[in-house]
Amino acid sequence: MTASMERFRPIMMTTMAALLGALPIALGYGADGASRRPLGLVVIGGLVVSQLITLYVTPAIYLYLEEFQEKVLDRYAFFRASRPHLSIPGNASAVEQGIGD
């Protein structure tokens, strides 16, 4: 989720630059602009849809897959993710203290 927040501004800047570049085509300015208007509308529509997918759908899918991994796949050793255990200073676990050996 933090990657989404870090990449938000560059993604928006790139999309806005492309959108503003296609705006004259979509509005039909220039010689024979009416024939190029559908192309501009398709480009702008594609940019809007891809922006929604990039900013909302993709992070949501990653969150659901992470939850699925934690609840289902981590039960089996073959699928278990190898995540390093973070130790909190002053809060040692029972194994680290030698309790239960």
PDB file of N, CA and C in Angstrom:
ATOM      1  N   MET A   1       0.821  -1.190   0.000  1.00  0.00           N
ATOM      2  CA  MET A   1       0.000   0.000   0.000  1.00  0.00           C
ATOM      3  C   MET A   1       0.868   1.257   0.000  1.00  0.00           C
ATOM      4  N   THR A   2       2.019   1.205   0.641  1.00  0.00           N
ATOM      5  CA  THR A   2       2.875   2.385   0.658  1.00  0.00           C
ATOM      6  C   THR A   2       3.439   2.677  -0.721  1.00  0.00           C
ATOM      7  N   ALA A   3       3.623   1.623  -1.539  1.00  0.00           N
ATOM      8  CA  ALA A   3       4.104   1.855  -2.902  1.00  0.00           C
ATOM      9  C   ALA A   3       3.083   2.666  -3.696  1.00  0.00           C
ATOM     10  N   SER A   4       1.808   2.435  -3.449  1.00  0.00           N
ATOM     11  CA  SER A   4       0.763   3.219  -4.116  1.00  0.00           C
ATOM     12  C   SER A   4       0.890   4.694  -3.770  1.00  0.00           C
ATOM     13  N   MET A   5       1.104   4.953  -2.510  1.00  0.00           N
ATOM     14  CA  MET A   5       1.184   6.344  -2.074  1.00  0.00           C
ATOM     15  C   MET A   5       2.442   7.029  -2.616  1.00  0.00           C
ATOM     16  N   GLU A   6       3.542   6.285  -2.704  1.00  0.00           N
ATOM     17  CA  GLU A   6       4.777   6.873  -3.217  1.00  0.00           C
ATOM     18  C   GLU A   6       4.700   7.129  -4.717  1.00  0.00           C
ATOM     19  N   ARG A   7       4.007   6.287  -5.438  1.00  0.00           N
ATOM     20  CA  ARG A   7       3.932   6.396  -6.885  1.00  0.00           C
ATOM     21  C   ARG A   7       2.748   7.219  -7.370  1.00  0.00           C
ATOM     22  N   PHE A   8       1.894   7.697  -6.480  1.00  0.00           N
ATOM     23  CA  PHE A   8       0.685   8.408  -6.869  1.00  0.00           C
ATOM     24  C   PHE A   8       0.986   9.646  -7.702  1.00  0.00           C
ATOM     25  N   ARG A   9       1.872  10.494  -7.238  1.00  0.00           N
ATOM     26  CA  ARG A   9       2.158  11.747  -7.934  1.00  0.00           C
ATOM     27  C   ARG A   9       2.753  11.521  -9.330  1.00  0.00           C
ATOM     28  N   PRO A  10       3.788  10.659  -9.487  1.00  0.00           N
ATOM     29  CA  PRO A  10       4.296  10.436 -10.850  1.00  0.00           C
ATOM     30  C   PRO A  10       3.261   9.819 -11.791  1.00  0.00           C
ATOM     31  N   ILE A  11       2.431   8.923 -11.270  1.00  0.00           N
ATOM     32  CA  ILE A  11       1.396   8.316 -12.112  1.00  0.00           C
ATOM     33  C   ILE A  11       0.407   9.379 -12.564  1.00  0.00           C
ATOM     34  N   MET A  12      -0.012  10.235 -11.649  1.00  0.00           N
ATOM     35  CA  MET A  12      -0.964  11.296 -11.997  1.00  0.00           C
ATOM     36  C   MET A  12      -0.351  12.296 -12.978  1.00  0.00           C
ATOM     37  N   MET A  13       0.907  12.647 -12.782  1.00  0.00           N
ATOM     38  CA  MET A  13       1.554  13.610 -13.677  1.00  0.00           C
ATOM     39  C   MET A  13       1.656  13.051 -15.098  1.00  0.00           C
ATOM     40  N   THR A  14       2.028  11.792 -15.229  1.00  0.00           N
ATOM     41  CA  THR A  14       2.150  11.173 -16.547  1.00  0.00           C
ATOM     42  C   THR A  14       0.791  11.095 -17.235  1.00  0.00           C
ATOM     43  N   THR A  15      -0.221  10.688 -16.486  1.00  0.00           N
ATOM     44  CA  THR A  15      -1.558  10.573 -17.070  1.00  0.00           C
ATOM     45  C   THR A  15      -2.100  11.942 -17.465  1.00  0.00           C
ATOM     46  N   MET A  16      -1.915  12.924 -16.627  1.00  0.00           N
ATOM     47  CA  MET A  16      -2.414  14.270 -16.943  1.00  0.00           C
ATOM     48  C   MET A  16      -1.703  14.853 -18.162  1.00  0.00           C
ATOM     49  N   ALA A  17      -0.401  14.600 -18.312  1.00  0.00           N
ATOM     50  CA  ALA A  17       0.322  15.092 -19.486  1.00  0.00           C
ATOM     51  C   ALA A  17      -0.232  14.457 -20.760  1.00  0.00           C
ATOM     52  N   ALA A  18      -0.467  13.156 -20.720  1.00  0.00           N
ATOM     53  CA  ALA A  18      -1.028  12.470 -21.890  1.00  0.00           C
ATOM     54  C   ALA A  18      -2.456  12.937 -22.162  1.00  0.00           C
ATOM     55  N   LEU A  19      -3.238  13.142 -21.102  1.00  0.00           N
ATOM     56  CA  LEU A  19      -4.620  13.582 -21.255  1.00  0.00           C
ATOM     57  C   LEU A  19      -4.681  14.979 -21.853  1.00  0.00           C
ATOM     58  N   LEU A  20      -3.853  15.879 -21.363  1.00  0.00           N
ATOM     59  CA  LEU A  20      -3.848  17.240 -21.902  1.00  0.00           C
ATOM     60  C   LEU A  20      -3.329  17.273 -23.335  1.00  0.00           C
ATOM     61  N   GLY A  21      -2.430  16.339 -23.676  1.00  0.00           N
ATOM     62  CA  GLY A  21      -1.954  16.262 -25.051  1.00  0.00           C
ATOM     63  C   GLY A  21      -3.025  15.766 -26.004  1.00  0.00           C
ATOM     64  N   ALA A  22      -3.911  14.895 -25.527  1.00  0.00           N
ATOM     65  CA  ALA A  22      -4.975  14.348 -26.372  1.00  0.00           C
ATOM     66  C   ALA A  22      -6.230  15.207 -26.369  1.00  0.00           C
ATOM     67  N   LEU A  23      -6.300  16.183 -25.493  1.00  0.00           N
ATOM     68  CA  LEU A  23      -7.493  17.015 -25.374  1.00  0.00           C
ATOM     69  C   LEU A  23      -7.832  17.770 -26.660  1.00  0.00           C
ATOM     70  N   PRO A  24      -6.867  18.395 -27.354  1.00  0.00           N
ATOM     71  CA  PRO A  24      -7.224  19.073 -28.614  1.00  0.00           C
ATOM     72  C   PRO A  24      -7.785  18.121 -29.672  1.00  0.00           C
ATOM     73  N   ILE A  25      -7.290  16.879 -29.692  1.00  0.00           N
ATOM     74  CA  ILE A  25      -7.817  15.904 -30.646  1.00  0.00           C
ATOM     75  C   ILE A  25      -9.262  15.560 -30.277  1.00  0.00           C
ATOM     76  N   ALA A  26      -9.522  15.376 -28.973  1.00  0.00           N
ATOM     77  CA  ALA A  26     -10.871  15.004 -28.521  1.00  0.00           C
ATOM     78  C   ALA A  26     -11.866  16.132 -28.734  1.00  0.00           C
ATOM     79  N   LEU A  27     -11.408  17.367 -28.642  1.00  0.00           N
ATOM     80  CA  LEU A  27     -12.304  18.500 -28.848  1.00  0.00           C
ATOM     81  C   LEU A  27     -12.490  18.829 -30.322  1.00  0.00           C
ATOM     82  N   GLY A  28     -11.646  18.252 -31.184  1.00  0.00           N
ATOM     83  CA  GLY A  28     -11.815  18.438 -32.627  1.00  0.00           C
ATOM     84  C   GLY A  28     -11.254  19.737 -33.151  1.00  0.00           C
ATOM     85  N   TYR A  29     -10.223  20.283 -32.531  1.00  0.00           N
ATOM     86  CA  TYR A  29      -9.608  21.517 -33.037  1.00  0.00           C
ATOM     87  C   TYR A  29      -8.742  21.211 -34.247  1.00  0.00           C
ATOM     88  N   GLY A  30      -8.546  22.205 -35.059  1.00  0.00           N
ATOM     89  CA  GLY A  30      -7.662  22.070 -36.205  1.00  0.00           C
ATOM     90  C   GLY A  30      -8.409  21.679 -37.461  1.00  0.00           C
ATOM     91  N   ALA A  31      -7.627  21.564 -38.541  1.00  0.00           N
ATOM     92  CA  ALA A  31      -8.202  21.191 -39.832  1.00  0.00           C
ATOM     93  C   ALA A  31      -8.693  19.752 -39.778  1.00  0.00           C
ATOM     94  N   ASP A  32      -9.919  19.552 -40.222  1.00  0.00           N
ATOM     95  CA  ASP A  32     -10.539  18.225 -40.244  1.00  0.00           C
ATOM     96  C   ASP A  32     -10.550  17.583 -38.851  1.00  0.00           C
ATOM     97  N   GLY A  33     -10.812  18.394 -37.852  1.00  0.00           N
ATOM     98  CA  GLY A  33     -10.819  17.909 -36.470  1.00  0.00           C
ATOM     99  C   GLY A  33     -11.968  16.981 -36.157  1.00  0.00           C
ATOM    100  N   ALA A  34     -13.067  17.129 -36.879  1.00  0.00           N
ATOM    101  CA  ALA A  34     -14.235  16.284 -36.609  1.00  0.00           C
ATOM    102  C   ALA A  34     -13.951  14.818 -36.907  1.00  0.00           C
ATOM    103  N   SER A  35     -13.078  14.544 -37.855  1.00  0.00           N
ATOM    104  CA  SER A  35     -12.787  13.146 -38.184  1.00  0.00           C
ATOM    105  C   SER A  35     -11.836  12.509 -37.165  1.00  0.00           C
ATOM    106  N   ARG A  36     -11.092  13.326 -36.440  1.00  0.00           N
ATOM    107  CA  ARG A  36     -10.167  12.788 -35.439  1.00  0.00           C
ATOM    108  C   ARG A  36     -10.754  12.783 -34.034  1.00  0.00           C
ATOM    109  N   ARG A  37     -11.913  13.353 -33.858  1.00  0.00           N
ATOM    110  CA  ARG A  37     -12.543  13.428 -32.543  1.00  0.00           C
ATOM    111  C   ARG A  37     -12.750  12.045 -31.902  1.00  0.00           C
ATOM    112  N   PRO A  38     -13.254  11.031 -32.621  1.00  0.00           N
ATOM    113  CA  PRO A  38     -13.416   9.711 -31.991  1.00  0.00           C
ATOM    114  C   PRO A  38     -12.102   9.136 -31.463  1.00  0.00           C
ATOM    115  N   LEU A  39     -11.009   9.360 -32.194  1.00  0.00           N
ATOM    116  CA  LEU A  39      -9.703   8.882 -31.725  1.00  0.00           C
ATOM    117  C   LEU A  39      -9.330   9.546 -30.406  1.00  0.00           C
ATOM    118  N   GLY A  40      -9.529  10.830 -30.299  1.00  0.00           N
ATOM    119  CA  GLY A  40      -9.214  11.541 -29.067  1.00  0.00           C
ATOM    120  C   GLY A  40     -10.067  11.080 -27.903  1.00  0.00           C
ATOM    121  N   LEU A  41     -11.344  10.834 -28.158  1.00  0.00           N
ATOM    122  CA  LEU A  41     -12.224  10.349 -27.089  1.00  0.00           C
ATOM    123  C   LEU A  41     -11.813   8.965 -26.607  1.00  0.00           C
ATOM    124  N   VAL A  42     -11.399   8.106 -27.533  1.00  0.00           N
ATOM    125  CA  VAL A  42     -10.950   6.766 -27.148  1.00  0.00           C
ATOM    126  C   VAL A  42      -9.665   6.843 -26.337  1.00  0.00           C
ATOM    127  N   VAL A  43      -8.743   7.708 -26.720  1.00  0.00           N
ATOM    128  CA  VAL A  43      -7.481   7.858 -25.982  1.00  0.00           C
ATOM    129  C   VAL A  43      -7.756   8.358 -24.573  1.00  0.00           C
ATOM    130  N   ILE A  44      -8.595   9.369 -24.436  1.00  0.00           N
ATOM    131  CA  ILE A  44      -8.906   9.915 -23.107  1.00  0.00           C
ATOM    132  C   ILE A  44      -9.664   8.880 -22.273  1.00  0.00           C
ATOM    133  N   GLY A  45     -10.611   8.179 -22.865  1.00  0.00           N
ATOM    134  CA  GLY A  45     -11.327   7.134 -22.137  1.00  0.00           C
ATOM    135  C   GLY A  45     -10.397   6.030 -21.667  1.00  0.00           C
ATOM    136  N   GLY A  46      -9.464   5.620 -22.511  1.00  0.00           N
ATOM    137  CA  GLY A  46      -8.494   4.604 -22.125  1.00  0.00           C
ATOM    138  C   GLY A  46      -7.595   5.070 -20.991  1.00  0.00           C
ATOM    139  N   LEU A  47      -7.199   6.331 -21.012  1.00  0.00           N
ATOM    140  CA  LEU A  47      -6.377   6.871 -19.934  1.00  0.00           C
ATOM    141  C   LEU A  47      -7.131   6.879 -18.608  1.00  0.00           C
ATOM    142  N   VAL A  48      -8.400   7.246 -18.650  1.00  0.00           N
ATOM    143  CA  VAL A  48      -9.199   7.286 -17.419  1.00  0.00           C
ATOM    144  C   VAL A  48      -9.379   5.877 -16.854  1.00  0.00           C
ATOM    145  N   VAL A  49      -9.712   4.922 -17.723  1.00  0.00           N
ATOM    146  CA  VAL A  49      -9.903   3.542 -17.257  1.00  0.00           C
ATOM    147  C   VAL A  49      -8.597   2.958 -16.709  1.00  0.00           C
ATOM    148  N   SER A  50      -7.500   3.175 -17.408  1.00  0.00           N
ATOM    149  CA  SER A  50      -6.222   2.640 -16.926  1.00  0.00           C
ATOM    150  C   SER A  50      -5.813   3.292 -15.618  1.00  0.00           C
ATOM    151  N   GLN A  51      -6.157   4.559 -15.435  1.00  0.00           N
ATOM    152  CA  GLN A  51      -5.863   5.243 -14.175  1.00  0.00           C
ATOM    153  C   GLN A  51      -6.646   4.613 -13.027  1.00  0.00           C
ATOM    154  N   LEU A  52      -7.914   4.330 -13.255  1.00  0.00           N
ATOM    155  CA  LEU A  52      -8.726   3.676 -12.215  1.00  0.00           C
ATOM    156  C   LEU A  52      -8.173   2.301 -11.867  1.00  0.00           C
ATOM    157  N   ILE A  53      -7.780   1.548 -12.873  1.00  0.00           N
ATOM    158  CA  ILE A  53      -7.217   0.217 -12.622  1.00  0.00           C
ATOM    159  C   ILE A  53      -5.908   0.326 -11.848  1.00  0.00           C
ATOM    160  N   THR A  54      -5.053   1.255 -12.251  1.00  0.00           N
ATOM    161  CA  THR A  54      -3.748   1.402 -11.609  1.00  0.00           C
ATOM    162  C   THR A  54      -3.867   1.839 -10.159  1.00  0.00           C
ATOM    163  N   LEU A  55      -4.752   2.771  -9.867  1.00  0.00           N
ATOM    164  CA  LEU A  55      -4.808   3.355  -8.525  1.00  0.00           C
ATOM    165  C   LEU A  55      -5.747   2.641  -7.565  1.00  0.00           C
ATOM    166  N   TYR A  56      -6.756   1.948  -8.068  1.00  0.00           N
ATOM    167  CA  TYR A  56      -7.739   1.349  -7.166  1.00  0.00           C
ATOM    168  C   TYR A  56      -7.788  -0.176  -7.249  1.00  0.00           C
ATOM    169  N   VAL A  57      -7.876  -0.705  -8.447  1.00  0.00           N
ATOM    170  CA  VAL A  57      -8.084  -2.150  -8.597  1.00  0.00           C
ATOM    171  C   VAL A  57      -6.818  -2.937  -8.254  1.00  0.00           C
ATOM    172  N   THR A  58      -5.677  -2.545  -8.798  1.00  0.00           N
ATOM    173  CA  THR A  58      -4.438  -3.293  -8.553  1.00  0.00           C
ATOM    174  C   THR A  58      -4.066  -3.351  -7.076  1.00  0.00           C
ATOM    175  N   PRO A  59      -4.053  -2.241  -6.320  1.00  0.00           N
ATOM    176  CA  PRO A  59      -3.747  -2.356  -4.891  1.00  0.00           C
ATOM    177  C   PRO A  59      -4.765  -3.207  -4.130  1.00  0.00           C
ATOM    178  N   ALA A  60      -6.029  -3.143  -4.518  1.00  0.00           N
ATOM    179  CA  ALA A  60      -7.045  -3.959  -3.845  1.00  0.00           C
ATOM    180  C   ALA A  60      -6.791  -5.441  -4.085  1.00  0.00           C
ATOM    181  N   ILE A  61      -6.405  -5.801  -5.303  1.00  0.00           N
ATOM    182  CA  ILE A  61      -6.097  -7.202  -5.600  1.00  0.00           C
ATOM    183  C   ILE A  61      -4.902  -7.663  -4.771  1.00  0.00           C
ATOM    184  N   TYR A  62      -3.871  -6.833  -4.654  1.00  0.00           N
ATOM    185  CA  TYR A  62      -2.713  -7.198  -3.845  1.00  0.00           C
ATOM    186  C   TYR A  62      -3.090  -7.391  -2.381  1.00  0.00           C
ATOM    187  N   LEU A  63      -3.960  -6.539  -1.860  1.00  0.00           N
ATOM    188  CA  LEU A  63      -4.380  -6.687  -0.466  1.00  0.00           C
ATOM    189  C   LEU A  63      -5.157  -7.981  -0.260  1.00  0.00           C
ATOM    190  N   TYR A  64      -6.051  -8.314  -1.185  1.00  0.00           N
ATOM    191  CA  TYR A  64      -6.806  -9.568  -1.081  1.00  0.00           C
ATOM    192  C   TYR A  64      -5.889 -10.783  -1.194  1.00  0.00           C
ATOM    193  N   LEU A  65      -4.904 -10.729  -2.095  1.00  0.00           N
ATOM    194  CA  LEU A  65      -3.977 -11.844  -2.230  1.00  0.00           C
ATOM    195  C   LEU A  65      -3.098 -11.998  -0.991  1.00  0.00           C
ATOM    196  N   GLU A  66      -2.710 -10.895  -0.382  1.00  0.00           N
ATOM    197  CA  GLU A  66      -1.928 -10.967   0.849  1.00  0.00           C
ATOM    198  C   GLU A  66      -2.752 -11.590   1.976  1.00  0.00           C
ATOM    199  N   GLU A  67      -4.003 -11.204   2.069  1.00  0.00           N
ATOM    200  CA  GLU A  67      -4.893 -11.775   3.080  1.00  0.00           C
ATOM    201  C   GLU A  67      -5.107 -13.269   2.834  1.00  0.00           C
ATOM    202  N   PHE A  68      -5.269 -13.650   1.566  1.00  0.00           N
ATOM    203  CA  PHE A  68      -5.436 -15.063   1.214  1.00  0.00           C
ATOM    204  C   PHE A  68      -4.191 -15.855   1.599  1.00  0.00           C
ATOM    205  N   GLN A  69      -3.029 -15.282   1.351  1.00  0.00           N
ATOM    206  CA  GLN A  69      -1.787 -15.965   1.703  1.00  0.00           C
ATOM    207  C   GLN A  69      -1.675 -16.159   3.208  1.00  0.00           C
ATOM    208  N   GLU A  70      -2.007 -15.123   3.977  1.00  0.00           N
ATOM    209  CA  GLU A  70      -1.906 -15.213   5.430  1.00  0.00           C
ATOM    210  C   GLU A  70      -2.896 -16.214   6.014  1.00  0.00           C
ATOM    211  N   LYS A  71      -4.113 -16.254   5.471  1.00  0.00           N
ATOM    212  CA  LYS A  71      -5.146 -17.109   6.050  1.00  0.00           C
ATOM    213  C   LYS A  71      -5.107 -18.541   5.534  1.00  0.00           C
ATOM    214  N   VAL A  72      -4.736 -18.750   4.277  1.00  0.00           N
ATOM    215  CA  VAL A  72      -4.839 -20.075   3.676  1.00  0.00           C
ATOM    216  C   VAL A  72      -3.471 -20.690   3.388  1.00  0.00           C
ATOM    217  N   LEU A  73      -2.666 -19.995   2.619  1.00  0.00           N
ATOM    218  CA  LEU A  73      -1.438 -20.606   2.141  1.00  0.00           C
ATOM    219  C   LEU A  73      -0.383 -20.789   3.220  1.00  0.00           C
ATOM    220  N   ASP A  74      -0.357 -19.928   4.224  1.00  0.00           N
ATOM    221  CA  ASP A  74       0.649 -20.054   5.277  1.00  0.00           C
ATOM    222  C   ASP A  74       0.413 -21.270   6.171  1.00  0.00           C
ATOM    223  N   ARG A  75      -0.698 -21.946   6.013  1.00  0.00           N
ATOM    224  CA  ARG A  75      -0.960 -23.170   6.781  1.00  0.00           C
ATOM    225  C   ARG A  75      -0.131 -24.337   6.269  1.00  0.00           C
ATOM    226  N   TYR A  76       0.302 -24.281   5.038  1.00  0.00           N
ATOM    227  CA  TYR A  76       1.054 -25.363   4.414  1.00  0.00           C
ATOM    228  C   TYR A  76       2.503 -24.936   4.222  1.00  0.00           C
ATOM    229  N   ALA A  77       3.429 -25.798   4.613  1.00  0.00           N
ATOM    230  CA  ALA A  77       4.849 -25.462   4.564  1.00  0.00           C
ATOM    231  C   ALA A  77       5.316 -25.162   3.140  1.00  0.00           C
ATOM    232  N   PHE A  78       4.740 -25.854   2.160  1.00  0.00           N
ATOM    233  CA  PHE A  78       5.160 -25.652   0.781  1.00  0.00           C
ATOM    234  C   PHE A  78       4.869 -24.226   0.306  1.00  0.00           C
ATOM    235  N   PHE A  79       3.760 -23.659   0.732  1.00  0.00           N
ATOM    236  CA  PHE A  79       3.350 -22.330   0.285  1.00  0.00           C
ATOM    237  C   PHE A  79       3.738 -21.221   1.253  1.00  0.00           C
ATOM    238  N   ARG A  80       4.255 -21.558   2.405  1.00  0.00           N
ATOM    239  CA  ARG A  80       4.513 -20.574   3.449  1.00  0.00           C
ATOM    240  C   ARG A  80       5.517 -19.529   2.971  1.00  0.00           C
ATOM    241  N   ALA A  81       5.209 -18.303   3.214  1.00  0.00           N
ATOM    242  CA  ALA A  81       6.105 -17.210   2.850  1.00  0.00           C
ATOM    243  C   ALA A  81       7.227 -17.132   3.871  1.00  0.00           C
ATOM    244  N   SER A  82       8.416 -16.908   3.390  1.00  0.00           N
ATOM    245  CA  SER A  82       9.543 -16.773   4.311  1.00  0.00           C
ATOM    246  C   SER A  82       9.701 -15.295   4.646  1.00  0.00           C
ATOM    247  N   ARG A  83       9.119 -14.917   5.744  1.00  0.00           N
ATOM    248  CA  ARG A  83       9.201 -13.534   6.210  1.00  0.00           C
ATOM    249  C   ARG A  83      10.088 -13.497   7.438  1.00  0.00           C
ATOM    250  N   PRO A  84      11.005 -12.558   7.490  1.00  0.00           N
ATOM    251  CA  PRO A  84      11.849 -12.474   8.692  1.00  0.00           C
ATOM    252  C   PRO A  84      11.009 -12.021   9.883  1.00  0.00           C
ATOM    253  N   HIS A  85      11.280 -12.623  11.030  1.00  0.00           N
ATOM    254  CA  HIS A  85      10.571 -12.237  12.245  1.00  0.00           C
ATOM    255  C   HIS A  85      11.199 -10.971  12.795  1.00  0.00           C
ATOM    256  N   LEU A  86      10.383  -9.988  13.034  1.00  0.00           N
ATOM    257  CA  LEU A  86      10.864  -8.742  13.594  1.00  0.00           C
ATOM    258  C   LEU A  86      10.809  -8.829  15.110  1.00  0.00           C
ATOM    259  N   SER A  87      11.929  -8.596  15.723  1.00  0.00           N
ATOM    260  CA  SER A  87      11.950  -8.645  17.185  1.00  0.00           C
ATOM    261  C   SER A  87      11.836  -7.223  17.727  1.00  0.00           C
ATOM    262  N   ILE A  88      11.026  -7.082  18.727  1.00  0.00           N
ATOM    263  CA  ILE A  88      10.833  -5.794  19.381  1.00  0.00           C
ATOM    264  C   ILE A  88      11.727  -5.781  20.606  1.00  0.00           C
ATOM    265  N   PRO A  89      12.594  -4.779  20.731  1.00  0.00           N
ATOM    266  CA  PRO A  89      13.492  -4.734  21.885  1.00  0.00           C
ATOM    267  C   PRO A  89      12.702  -4.723  23.199  1.00  0.00           C
ATOM    268  N   GLY A  90      13.120  -5.582  24.116  1.00  0.00           N
ATOM    269  CA  GLY A  90      12.471  -5.648  25.414  1.00  0.00           C
ATOM    270  C   GLY A  90      11.235  -6.519  25.424  1.00  0.00           C
ATOM    271  N   ASN A  91      10.893  -7.144  24.292  1.00  0.00           N
ATOM    272  CA  ASN A  91       9.696  -7.969  24.207  1.00  0.00           C
ATOM    273  C   ASN A  91      10.078  -9.294  23.558  1.00  0.00           C
ATOM    274  N   ALA A  92      10.888 -10.086  24.242  1.00  0.00           N
ATOM    275  CA  ALA A  92      11.372 -11.352  23.707  1.00  0.00           C
ATOM    276  C   ALA A  92      10.273 -12.402  23.785  1.00  0.00           C
ATOM    277  N   SER A  93      10.244 -13.278  22.786  1.00  0.00           N
ATOM    278  CA  SER A  93       9.250 -14.332  22.776  1.00  0.00           C
ATOM    279  C   SER A  93       9.674 -15.450  23.712  1.00  0.00           C
ATOM    280  N   ALA A  94       8.777 -16.410  23.946  1.00  0.00           N
ATOM    281  CA  ALA A  94       9.046 -17.521  24.849  1.00  0.00           C
ATOM    282  C   ALA A  94      10.193 -18.374  24.343  1.00  0.00           C
ATOM    283  N   VAL A  95      10.323 -18.531  23.029  1.00  0.00           N
ATOM    284  CA  VAL A  95      11.401 -19.342  22.469  1.00  0.00           C
ATOM    285  C   VAL A  95      12.742 -18.674  22.716  1.00  0.00           C
ATOM    286  N   GLU A  96      12.781 -17.330  22.514  1.00  0.00           N
ATOM    287  CA  GLU A  96      14.036 -16.610  22.726  1.00  0.00           C
ATOM    288  C   GLU A  96      14.460 -16.639  24.189  1.00  0.00           C
ATOM    289  N   GLN A  97      13.512 -16.710  25.117  1.00  0.00           N
ATOM    290  CA  GLN A  97      13.835 -16.723  26.534  1.00  0.00           C
ATOM    291  C   GLN A  97      14.168 -18.125  27.020  1.00  0.00           C
ATOM    292  N   GLY A  98      13.943 -19.130  26.185  1.00  0.00           N
ATOM    293  CA  GLY A  98      14.253 -20.495  26.577  1.00  0.00           C
ATOM    294  C   GLY A  98      13.138 -21.163  27.331  1.00  0.00           C
ATOM    295  N   ILE A  99      11.956 -20.561  27.340  1.00  0.00           N
ATOM    296  CA  ILE A  99      10.802 -21.141  28.037  1.00  0.00           C
ATOM    297  C   ILE A  99      10.145 -22.150  27.096  1.00  0.00           C
ATOM    298  N   GLY A 100       9.847 -23.328  27.590  1.00  0.00           N
ATOM    299  CA  GLY A 100       9.139 -24.305  26.807  1.00  0.00           C
ATOM    300  C   GLY A 100      10.059 -25.259  26.067  1.00  0.00           C
ATOM    301  N   ASP A 101      11.355 -25.185  26.290  1.00  0.00           N
ATOM    302  CA  ASP A 101      12.297 -26.113  25.624  1.00  0.00           C
ATOM    303  C   ASP A 101      12.393 -27.412  26.375  1.00  0.00           C
TER     304      ASP A 101
END
